[in-house]
Amino acid sequence: VFSTENPEIQAIKNYEKAIHENDAEGMEKYLNELDALQAWDAEAKVKEVISQLKIDDYLTQKVKTLSGGQKKRLALANLLVDEPDFLILDEPTNHLDLEMIEWLEVYFSTRPNLTIFMVTHDRYFLDAVCNTIVELDGGKFYRYKGNYGYYLSQKALRQEVEAATMDKNKKLFL
């Protein structure tokens, strides 16, 4: 998780290396970099992600020795630490317990500029996390501004209107 290319994490690693090597010039350089990046809470963020996804027990193991679920949680942790603006997730709640899912819901909900493209069967997660849903149906895109429950009601309404319009058009041709 700490091997990310995230500039904040890299600055922390460089600063800690300078401390370990007793490199005063390096410490000053990386201290200024940490200040410029406002990275003082980055390590705490990483530790929070590690703790919440319960991967701290196997951080010293080689990835090839981890189970599928552990690898998936580790990959998710890497994504969250990098704090991207756009995530592509495939069944993100698989291999997570209820406590982890609830934390992830809050985590995603508190990032207003985050766009998530996901495939999931977890309707409760969708309802808690999504504020816009885009559907591809019959070669057309439909956008719904709301959570999953809103999407379901609006989709049903759209289908009713489309069916009524189709019925009306059929009657015109007869």
N, C-alpha and C. Protein backbone atom coordinates (compact mmCIF):
# COMPACT_ATOMS: atom_id res chain seq x y z
N VAL A 1 0.83 -1.19 0.00
CA VAL A 1 0.00 0.00 0.00
C VAL A 1 0.88 1.25 0.00
N PHE A 2 2.00 1.19 0.69
CA PHE A 2 2.89 2.35 0.74
C PHE A 2 3.76 2.46 -0.51
N SER A 3 3.62 1.52 -1.46
CA SER A 3 4.42 1.59 -2.68
C SER A 3 3.73 2.40 -3.76
N THR A 4 2.67 3.08 -3.43
CA THR A 4 1.92 3.89 -4.37
C THR A 4 2.76 5.04 -4.92
N GLU A 5 2.36 5.54 -6.06
CA GLU A 5 3.03 6.70 -6.66
C GLU A 5 2.44 8.01 -6.16
N ASN A 6 1.53 7.94 -5.20
CA ASN A 6 0.92 9.12 -4.61
C ASN A 6 2.03 10.05 -4.11
N PRO A 7 2.06 11.32 -4.57
CA PRO A 7 3.14 12.23 -4.19
C PRO A 7 3.26 12.46 -2.68
N GLU A 8 2.12 12.47 -1.99
CA GLU A 8 2.17 12.65 -0.53
C GLU A 8 2.88 11.48 0.14
N ILE A 9 2.53 10.27 -0.27
CA ILE A 9 3.14 9.07 0.33
C ILE A 9 4.63 9.01 -0.02
N GLN A 10 4.96 9.36 -1.25
CA GLN A 10 6.37 9.38 -1.66
C GLN A 10 7.16 10.39 -0.82
N ALA A 11 6.58 11.55 -0.57
CA ALA A 11 7.25 12.56 0.25
C ALA A 11 7.47 12.06 1.67
N ILE A 12 6.50 11.37 2.23
CA ILE A 12 6.65 10.80 3.57
C ILE A 12 7.76 9.76 3.58
N LYS A 13 7.76 8.88 2.57
CA LYS A 13 8.81 7.85 2.49
C LYS A 13 10.20 8.49 2.37
N ASN A 14 10.31 9.52 1.53
CA ASN A 14 11.60 10.20 1.36
C ASN A 14 12.04 10.88 2.65
N TYR A 15 11.10 11.50 3.35
CA TYR A 15 11.43 12.17 4.61
C TYR A 15 11.88 11.15 5.65
N GLU A 16 11.16 10.03 5.75
CA GLU A 16 11.54 9.00 6.71
C GLU A 16 12.89 8.38 6.37
N LYS A 17 13.17 8.23 5.08
CA LYS A 17 14.48 7.70 4.66
C LYS A 17 15.59 8.67 5.05
N ALA A 18 15.35 9.97 4.85
CA ALA A 18 16.34 10.98 5.23
C ALA A 18 16.59 10.96 6.74
N ILE A 19 15.54 10.77 7.52
CA ILE A 19 15.70 10.67 8.98
C ILE A 19 16.53 9.44 9.32
N HIS A 20 16.20 8.31 8.71
CA HIS A 20 16.91 7.06 8.97
C HIS A 20 18.40 7.17 8.61
N GLU A 21 18.69 7.89 7.53
CA GLU A 21 20.08 8.05 7.09
C GLU A 21 20.75 9.25 7.74
N ASN A 22 20.03 9.93 8.63
CA ASN A 22 20.55 11.11 9.33
C ASN A 22 21.04 12.17 8.33
N ASP A 23 20.26 12.37 7.26
CA ASP A 23 20.58 13.30 6.18
C ASP A 23 19.85 14.62 6.44
N ALA A 24 20.53 15.57 7.08
CA ALA A 24 19.91 16.84 7.47
C ALA A 24 19.42 17.62 6.25
N GLU A 25 20.21 17.64 5.19
CA GLU A 25 19.81 18.36 3.98
C GLU A 25 18.55 17.73 3.36
N GLY A 26 18.52 16.40 3.31
CA GLY A 26 17.36 15.68 2.78
C GLY A 26 16.13 15.90 3.65
N MET A 27 16.34 15.89 4.99
CA MET A 27 15.21 16.11 5.90
C MET A 27 14.58 17.47 5.65
N GLU A 28 15.41 18.51 5.50
CA GLU A 28 14.89 19.85 5.26
C GLU A 28 14.16 19.91 3.91
N LYS A 29 14.74 19.30 2.89
CA LYS A 29 14.13 19.30 1.56
C LYS A 29 12.76 18.63 1.60
N TYR A 30 12.71 17.43 2.21
CA TYR A 30 11.44 16.69 2.22
C TYR A 30 10.44 17.26 3.22
N LEU A 31 10.94 17.93 4.24
CA LEU A 31 10.05 18.62 5.17
C LEU A 31 9.31 19.75 4.42
N ASN A 32 10.06 20.48 3.60
CA ASN A 32 9.44 21.54 2.79
C ASN A 32 8.46 20.94 1.78
N GLU A 33 8.80 19.79 1.23
CA GLU A 33 7.91 19.13 0.28
C GLU A 33 6.62 18.68 0.97
N LEU A 34 6.76 18.14 2.18
CA LEU A 34 5.58 17.74 2.95
C LEU A 34 4.68 18.93 3.23
N ASP A 35 5.29 20.05 3.58
CA ASP A 35 4.52 21.27 3.82
C ASP A 35 3.80 21.72 2.55
N ALA A 36 4.52 21.73 1.44
CA ALA A 36 3.94 22.18 0.17
C ALA A 36 2.77 21.30 -0.25
N LEU A 37 2.89 19.99 -0.01
CA LEU A 37 1.83 19.05 -0.38
C LEU A 37 0.73 18.95 0.67
N GLN A 38 0.96 19.59 1.82
CA GLN A 38 0.05 19.46 2.96
C GLN A 38 -0.21 17.98 3.23
N ALA A 39 0.88 17.25 3.34
CA ALA A 39 0.81 15.79 3.40
C ALA A 39 0.92 15.23 4.82
N TRP A 40 0.77 16.07 5.81
CA TRP A 40 0.98 15.59 7.17
C TRP A 40 -0.04 14.56 7.62
N ASP A 41 -1.20 14.56 7.04
CA ASP A 41 -2.20 13.57 7.45
C ASP A 41 -2.29 12.38 6.47
N ALA A 42 -1.41 12.35 5.47
CA ALA A 42 -1.46 11.28 4.47
C ALA A 42 -1.21 9.91 5.10
N GLU A 43 -0.24 9.83 5.98
CA GLU A 43 0.06 8.55 6.62
C GLU A 43 -1.12 8.08 7.46
N ALA A 44 -1.78 9.01 8.14
CA ALA A 44 -2.96 8.66 8.93
C ALA A 44 -4.08 8.15 8.03
N LYS A 45 -4.23 8.77 6.84
CA LYS A 45 -5.24 8.30 5.88
C LYS A 45 -4.95 6.87 5.44
N VAL A 46 -3.67 6.60 5.15
CA VAL A 46 -3.27 5.25 4.73
C VAL A 46 -3.56 4.25 5.83
N LYS A 47 -3.20 4.60 7.04
CA LYS A 47 -3.43 3.69 8.17
C LYS A 47 -4.92 3.47 8.42
N GLU A 48 -5.74 4.50 8.19
CA GLU A 48 -7.18 4.35 8.33
C GLU A 48 -7.71 3.35 7.31
N VAL A 49 -7.29 3.50 6.05
CA VAL A 49 -7.74 2.58 4.99
C VAL A 49 -7.31 1.16 5.31
N ILE A 50 -6.06 0.99 5.70
CA ILE A 50 -5.53 -0.33 6.04
C ILE A 50 -6.32 -0.95 7.19
N SER A 51 -6.59 -0.15 8.19
CA SER A 51 -7.32 -0.63 9.36
C SER A 51 -8.77 -0.97 9.02
N GLN A 52 -9.45 -0.08 8.30
CA GLN A 52 -10.86 -0.29 7.99
C GLN A 52 -11.09 -1.48 7.07
N LEU A 53 -10.15 -1.73 6.16
CA LEU A 53 -10.27 -2.89 5.26
C LEU A 53 -9.63 -4.14 5.85
N LYS A 54 -9.15 -4.00 7.08
CA LYS A 54 -8.60 -5.13 7.85
C LYS A 54 -7.51 -5.88 7.08
N ILE A 55 -6.58 -5.10 6.53
CA ILE A 55 -5.46 -5.74 5.83
C ILE A 55 -4.15 -5.57 6.59
N ASP A 56 -4.20 -4.93 7.76
CA ASP A 56 -2.98 -4.72 8.52
C ASP A 56 -2.36 -6.02 9.03
N ASP A 57 -3.15 -7.08 9.13
CA ASP A 57 -2.63 -8.36 9.61
C ASP A 57 -1.73 -9.06 8.59
N TYR A 58 -1.86 -8.73 7.32
CA TYR A 58 -1.06 -9.44 6.32
C TYR A 58 -0.25 -8.50 5.42
N LEU A 59 0.09 -7.34 5.93
CA LEU A 59 0.89 -6.39 5.14
C LEU A 59 2.32 -6.87 4.91
N THR A 60 2.81 -7.74 5.75
CA THR A 60 4.19 -8.22 5.59
C THR A 60 4.27 -9.46 4.71
N GLN A 61 3.13 -10.00 4.30
CA GLN A 61 3.13 -11.19 3.46
C GLN A 61 3.31 -10.83 2.00
N LYS A 62 3.80 -11.78 1.23
CA LYS A 62 3.90 -11.59 -0.22
C LYS A 62 2.49 -11.70 -0.80
N VAL A 63 2.22 -10.89 -1.81
CA VAL A 63 0.89 -10.84 -2.41
C VAL A 63 0.47 -12.21 -2.93
N LYS A 64 1.40 -12.96 -3.50
CA LYS A 64 1.05 -14.26 -4.08
C LYS A 64 0.56 -15.26 -3.03
N THR A 65 0.83 -15.01 -1.75
CA THR A 65 0.38 -15.91 -0.70
C THR A 65 -1.00 -15.55 -0.15
N LEU A 66 -1.55 -14.41 -0.59
CA LEU A 66 -2.84 -13.95 -0.07
C LEU A 66 -3.99 -14.65 -0.77
N SER A 67 -5.11 -14.72 -0.09
CA SER A 67 -6.33 -15.28 -0.68
C SER A 67 -6.89 -14.28 -1.69
N GLY A 68 -7.86 -14.72 -2.47
CA GLY A 68 -8.50 -13.84 -3.45
C GLY A 68 -9.14 -12.63 -2.80
N GLY A 69 -9.83 -12.84 -1.70
CA GLY A 69 -10.48 -11.74 -1.00
C GLY A 69 -9.47 -10.75 -0.42
N GLN A 70 -8.38 -11.26 0.11
CA GLN A 70 -7.34 -10.40 0.66
C GLN A 70 -6.69 -9.56 -0.45
N LYS A 71 -6.45 -10.19 -1.60
CA LYS A 71 -5.88 -9.46 -2.74
C LYS A 71 -6.82 -8.36 -3.21
N LYS A 72 -8.11 -8.66 -3.23
CA LYS A 72 -9.10 -7.67 -3.66
C LYS A 72 -9.14 -6.49 -2.69
N ARG A 73 -9.09 -6.77 -1.39
CA ARG A 73 -9.09 -5.69 -0.40
C ARG A 73 -7.80 -4.86 -0.50
N LEU A 74 -6.68 -5.53 -0.75
CA LEU A 74 -5.41 -4.83 -0.91
C LEU A 74 -5.45 -3.92 -2.14
N ALA A 75 -6.00 -4.42 -3.24
CA ALA A 75 -6.14 -3.60 -4.45
C ALA A 75 -7.05 -2.40 -4.20
N LEU A 76 -8.14 -2.61 -3.48
CA LEU A 76 -9.05 -1.52 -3.15
C LEU A 76 -8.34 -0.49 -2.27
N ALA A 77 -7.55 -0.96 -1.32
CA ALA A 77 -6.80 -0.04 -0.45
C ALA A 77 -5.84 0.81 -1.28
N ASN A 78 -5.15 0.18 -2.23
CA ASN A 78 -4.23 0.93 -3.10
C ASN A 78 -4.96 2.02 -3.87
N LEU A 79 -6.15 1.70 -4.38
CA LEU A 79 -6.94 2.69 -5.10
C LEU A 79 -7.33 3.86 -4.19
N LEU A 80 -7.80 3.53 -3.00
CA LEU A 80 -8.27 4.57 -2.08
C LEU A 80 -7.13 5.47 -1.62
N VAL A 81 -5.95 4.89 -1.42
CA VAL A 81 -4.79 5.67 -1.00
C VAL A 81 -4.39 6.66 -2.09
N ASP A 82 -4.50 6.24 -3.35
CA ASP A 82 -4.14 7.13 -4.46
C ASP A 82 -5.14 8.27 -4.66
N GLU A 83 -6.34 8.14 -4.12
CA GLU A 83 -7.39 9.16 -4.20
C GLU A 83 -7.63 9.66 -5.63
N PRO A 84 -7.96 8.75 -6.54
CA PRO A 84 -8.23 9.19 -7.91
C PRO A 84 -9.58 9.90 -8.01
N ASP A 85 -9.81 10.57 -9.12
CA ASP A 85 -11.09 11.25 -9.35
C ASP A 85 -12.09 10.30 -10.00
N PHE A 86 -11.59 9.20 -10.57
CA PHE A 86 -12.44 8.27 -11.31
C PHE A 86 -12.04 6.85 -10.94
N LEU A 87 -13.01 6.04 -10.52
CA LEU A 87 -12.76 4.64 -10.16
C LEU A 87 -13.60 3.72 -11.03
N ILE A 88 -13.03 2.63 -11.44
CA ILE A 88 -13.77 1.56 -12.10
C ILE A 88 -13.72 0.37 -11.15
N LEU A 89 -14.89 -0.04 -10.68
CA LEU A 89 -14.96 -1.10 -9.68
C LEU A 89 -15.87 -2.23 -10.15
N ASP A 90 -15.43 -3.45 -9.92
CA ASP A 90 -16.22 -4.63 -10.24
C ASP A 90 -16.56 -5.32 -8.93
N GLU A 91 -17.83 -5.29 -8.58
CA GLU A 91 -18.32 -5.89 -7.34
C GLU A 91 -17.47 -5.47 -6.13
N PRO A 92 -17.44 -4.16 -5.84
CA PRO A 92 -16.55 -3.66 -4.79
C PRO A 92 -16.86 -4.17 -3.38
N THR A 93 -18.10 -4.62 -3.13
CA THR A 93 -18.43 -5.06 -1.78
C THR A 93 -18.21 -6.55 -1.56
N ASN A 94 -17.87 -7.28 -2.63
CA ASN A 94 -17.53 -8.69 -2.44
C ASN A 94 -16.28 -8.77 -1.56
N HIS A 95 -16.22 -9.73 -0.70
CA HIS A 95 -15.08 -9.97 0.21
C HIS A 95 -14.97 -8.92 1.31
N LEU A 96 -16.02 -8.10 1.48
CA LEU A 96 -16.02 -7.13 2.57
C LEU A 96 -17.13 -7.50 3.55
N ASP A 97 -16.84 -7.33 4.84
CA ASP A 97 -17.89 -7.57 5.82
C ASP A 97 -18.74 -6.30 5.95
N LEU A 98 -19.81 -6.37 6.71
CA LEU A 98 -20.76 -5.27 6.82
C LEU A 98 -20.09 -3.99 7.33
N GLU A 99 -19.22 -4.12 8.30
CA GLU A 99 -18.53 -2.96 8.85
C GLU A 99 -17.66 -2.27 7.79
N MET A 100 -16.98 -3.06 6.98
CA MET A 100 -16.15 -2.49 5.90
C MET A 100 -17.02 -1.81 4.85
N ILE A 101 -18.15 -2.42 4.52
CA ILE A 101 -19.05 -1.85 3.51
C ILE A 101 -19.60 -0.51 4.01
N GLU A 102 -20.01 -0.45 5.27
CA GLU A 102 -20.53 0.79 5.82
C GLU A 102 -19.47 1.88 5.82
N TRP A 103 -18.23 1.51 6.14
CA TRP A 103 -17.14 2.49 6.11
C TRP A 103 -16.92 2.98 4.68
N LEU A 104 -16.93 2.06 3.72
CA LEU A 104 -16.72 2.41 2.31
C LEU A 104 -17.84 3.32 1.80
N GLU A 105 -19.06 3.07 2.23
CA GLU A 105 -20.18 3.95 1.87
C GLU A 105 -19.92 5.38 2.33
N VAL A 106 -19.49 5.52 3.56
CA VAL A 106 -19.20 6.86 4.10
C VAL A 106 -18.02 7.46 3.36
N TYR A 107 -16.99 6.65 3.13
CA TYR A 107 -15.78 7.12 2.43
C TYR A 107 -16.15 7.69 1.06
N PHE A 108 -16.91 6.95 0.27
CA PHE A 108 -17.31 7.41 -1.06
C PHE A 108 -18.27 8.60 -0.99
N SER A 109 -19.17 8.58 -0.03
CA SER A 109 -20.17 9.64 0.08
C SER A 109 -19.56 10.98 0.47
N THR A 110 -18.40 10.96 1.08
CA THR A 110 -17.77 12.21 1.51
C THR A 110 -16.80 12.75 0.47
N ARG A 111 -16.79 12.17 -0.71
CA ARG A 111 -15.93 12.65 -1.80
C ARG A 111 -16.80 13.08 -2.97
N PRO A 112 -17.22 14.35 -2.96
CA PRO A 112 -18.19 14.81 -3.95
C PRO A 112 -17.67 14.82 -5.39
N ASN A 113 -16.37 14.91 -5.59
CA ASN A 113 -15.82 14.96 -6.95
C ASN A 113 -15.41 13.60 -7.48
N LEU A 114 -15.74 12.56 -6.76
CA LEU A 114 -15.36 11.21 -7.17
C LEU A 114 -16.43 10.64 -8.09
N THR A 115 -16.00 10.12 -9.23
CA THR A 115 -16.88 9.43 -10.16
C THR A 115 -16.56 7.96 -10.09
N ILE A 116 -17.59 7.14 -9.91
CA ILE A 116 -17.39 5.69 -9.81
C ILE A 116 -18.19 5.02 -10.92
N PHE A 117 -17.50 4.23 -11.70
CA PHE A 117 -18.14 3.38 -12.70
C PHE A 117 -18.05 1.98 -12.11
N MET A 118 -19.20 1.40 -11.77
CA MET A 118 -19.13 0.11 -11.10
C MET A 118 -20.18 -0.86 -11.58
N VAL A 119 -19.82 -2.11 -11.45
CA VAL A 119 -20.73 -3.22 -11.66
C VAL A 119 -20.94 -3.82 -10.28
N THR A 120 -22.19 -3.90 -9.85
CA THR A 120 -22.46 -4.50 -8.55
C THR A 120 -23.89 -5.00 -8.49
N HIS A 121 -24.08 -6.01 -7.69
CA HIS A 121 -25.42 -6.52 -7.41
C HIS A 121 -25.90 -6.04 -6.04
N ASP A 122 -25.08 -5.26 -5.37
CA ASP A 122 -25.38 -4.78 -4.03
C ASP A 122 -26.22 -3.51 -4.12
N ARG A 123 -27.53 -3.68 -4.14
CA ARG A 123 -28.45 -2.56 -4.31
C ARG A 123 -28.39 -1.58 -3.15
N TYR A 124 -28.15 -2.09 -1.96
CA TYR A 124 -28.07 -1.21 -0.79
C TYR A 124 -26.85 -0.29 -0.90
N PHE A 125 -25.75 -0.85 -1.38
CA PHE A 125 -24.53 -0.06 -1.58
C PHE A 125 -24.77 1.03 -2.63
N LEU A 126 -25.40 0.65 -3.73
CA LEU A 126 -25.74 1.63 -4.77
C LEU A 126 -26.62 2.74 -4.21
N ASP A 127 -27.59 2.36 -3.43
CA ASP A 127 -28.51 3.33 -2.86
C ASP A 127 -27.78 4.31 -1.94
N ALA A 128 -26.80 3.80 -1.19
CA ALA A 128 -26.08 4.63 -0.23
C ALA A 128 -25.02 5.50 -0.89
N VAL A 129 -24.44 5.04 -1.99
CA VAL A 129 -23.26 5.70 -2.56
C VAL A 129 -23.59 6.60 -3.75
N CYS A 130 -24.51 6.19 -4.58
CA CYS A 130 -24.74 6.89 -5.85
C CYS A 130 -25.66 8.09 -5.70
N ASN A 131 -25.33 9.16 -6.42
CA ASN A 131 -26.23 10.30 -6.52
C ASN A 131 -26.60 10.58 -7.97
N THR A 132 -26.01 9.84 -8.89
CA THR A 132 -26.35 9.90 -10.30
C THR A 132 -26.14 8.50 -10.87
N ILE A 133 -27.10 8.02 -11.62
CA ILE A 133 -26.98 6.71 -12.26
C ILE A 133 -27.20 6.89 -13.75
N VAL A 134 -26.31 6.29 -14.51
CA VAL A 134 -26.41 6.32 -15.97
C VAL A 134 -26.70 4.91 -16.43
N GLU A 135 -27.74 4.77 -17.25
CA GLU A 135 -28.15 3.46 -17.73
C GLU A 135 -27.98 3.42 -19.25
N LEU A 136 -27.48 2.31 -19.74
CA LEU A 136 -27.43 2.06 -21.18
C LEU A 136 -28.48 0.99 -21.45
N ASP A 137 -29.51 1.36 -22.21
CA ASP A 137 -30.61 0.44 -22.48
C ASP A 137 -31.02 0.59 -23.95
N GLY A 138 -30.93 -0.48 -24.70
CA GLY A 138 -31.33 -0.45 -26.10
C GLY A 138 -30.52 0.53 -26.94
N GLY A 139 -29.26 0.69 -26.59
CA GLY A 139 -28.41 1.60 -27.34
C GLY A 139 -28.56 3.06 -26.96
N LYS A 140 -29.37 3.36 -25.96
CA LYS A 140 -29.59 4.74 -25.51
C LYS A 140 -29.10 4.90 -24.08
N PHE A 141 -28.57 6.09 -23.81
CA PHE A 141 -28.15 6.43 -22.45
C PHE A 141 -29.27 7.20 -21.76
N TYR A 142 -29.50 6.85 -20.51
CA TYR A 142 -30.46 7.56 -19.68
C TYR A 142 -29.74 7.95 -18.40
N ARG A 143 -29.92 9.20 -18.00
CA ARG A 143 -29.25 9.70 -16.80
C ARG A 143 -30.31 10.02 -15.75
N TYR A 144 -30.05 9.52 -14.54
CA TYR A 144 -30.98 9.73 -13.42
C TYR A 144 -30.21 10.41 -12.30
N LYS A 145 -30.64 11.58 -11.90
CA LYS A 145 -29.99 12.33 -10.83
C LYS A 145 -30.62 11.91 -9.51
N GLY A 146 -30.01 10.95 -8.85
CA GLY A 146 -30.52 10.45 -7.58
C GLY A 146 -29.90 9.10 -7.26
N ASN A 147 -30.33 8.50 -6.17
CA ASN A 147 -29.77 7.22 -5.75
C ASN A 147 -30.46 6.06 -6.48
N TYR A 148 -30.17 4.85 -6.07
CA TYR A 148 -30.69 3.68 -6.78
C TYR A 148 -32.21 3.58 -6.68
N GLY A 149 -32.77 3.90 -5.53
CA GLY A 149 -34.22 3.88 -5.37
C GLY A 149 -34.90 4.86 -6.32
N TYR A 150 -34.32 6.05 -6.44
CA TYR A 150 -34.85 7.05 -7.36
C TYR A 150 -34.76 6.54 -8.80
N TYR A 151 -33.63 5.94 -9.13
CA TYR A 151 -33.43 5.37 -10.47
C TYR A 151 -34.52 4.36 -10.80
N LEU A 152 -34.79 3.45 -9.87
CA LEU A 152 -35.81 2.42 -10.12
C LEU A 152 -37.18 3.03 -10.39
N SER A 153 -37.55 4.02 -9.59
CA SER A 153 -38.87 4.64 -9.78
C SER A 153 -38.93 5.42 -11.09
N GLN A 154 -37.88 6.14 -11.42
CA GLN A 154 -37.86 6.93 -12.66
C GLN A 154 -37.78 6.05 -13.91
N LYS A 155 -37.06 4.93 -13.80
CA LYS A 155 -36.98 4.00 -14.92
C LYS A 155 -38.37 3.41 -15.19
N ALA A 156 -39.06 3.02 -14.13
CA ALA A 156 -40.41 2.46 -14.29
C ALA A 156 -41.34 3.49 -14.93
N LEU A 157 -41.23 4.73 -14.49
CA LEU A 157 -42.04 5.81 -15.07
C LEU A 157 -41.70 6.01 -16.54
N ARG A 158 -40.42 6.02 -16.87
CA ARG A 158 -39.99 6.17 -18.27
C ARG A 158 -40.53 5.03 -19.12
N GLN A 159 -40.47 3.82 -18.61
CA GLN A 159 -40.96 2.66 -19.37
C GLN A 159 -42.48 2.74 -19.58
N GLU A 160 -43.19 3.23 -18.58
CA GLU A 160 -44.64 3.40 -18.73
C GLU A 160 -44.96 4.41 -19.82
N VAL A 161 -44.24 5.52 -19.81
CA VAL A 161 -44.44 6.57 -20.82
C VAL A 161 -44.10 6.03 -22.21
N GLU A 162 -42.99 5.30 -22.31
CA GLU A 162 -42.59 4.73 -23.60
C GLU A 162 -43.63 3.72 -24.10
N ALA A 163 -44.15 2.90 -23.20
CA ALA A 163 -45.17 1.92 -23.58
C ALA A 163 -46.45 2.61 -24.04
N ALA A 164 -46.85 3.67 -23.33
CA ALA A 164 -48.05 4.42 -23.71
C ALA A 164 -47.86 5.10 -25.06
N THR A 165 -46.68 5.65 -25.28
CA THR A 165 -46.37 6.29 -26.56
C THR A 165 -46.39 5.27 -27.69
N MET A 166 -45.82 4.10 -27.46
CA MET A 166 -45.79 3.03 -28.46
C MET A 166 -47.22 2.58 -28.77
N ASP A 167 -48.02 2.44 -27.74
CA ASP A 167 -49.41 2.03 -27.91
C ASP A 167 -50.18 3.07 -28.74
N LYS A 168 -49.96 4.32 -28.42
CA LYS A 168 -50.62 5.42 -29.14
C LYS A 168 -50.19 5.42 -30.61
N ASN A 169 -48.90 5.22 -30.86
CA ASN A 169 -48.39 5.20 -32.23
C ASN A 169 -48.95 4.02 -33.01
N LYS A 170 -49.11 2.87 -32.37
CA LYS A 170 -49.68 1.70 -33.04
C LYS A 170 -51.13 1.99 -33.48
N LYS A 171 -51.88 2.65 -32.60
CA LYS A 171 -53.28 2.97 -32.90
C LYS A 171 -53.38 3.96 -34.07
N LEU A 172 -52.41 4.85 -34.20
CA LEU A 172 -52.41 5.82 -35.28
C LEU A 172 -52.22 5.12 -36.64
N PHE A 173 -51.42 4.05 -36.65
CA PHE A 173 -51.16 3.34 -37.90
C PHE A 173 -52.25 2.36 -38.28
N LEU A 174 -53.14 2.04 -37.36
CA LEU A 174 -54.22 1.08 -37.66
C LEU A 174 -55.39 1.72 -38.28
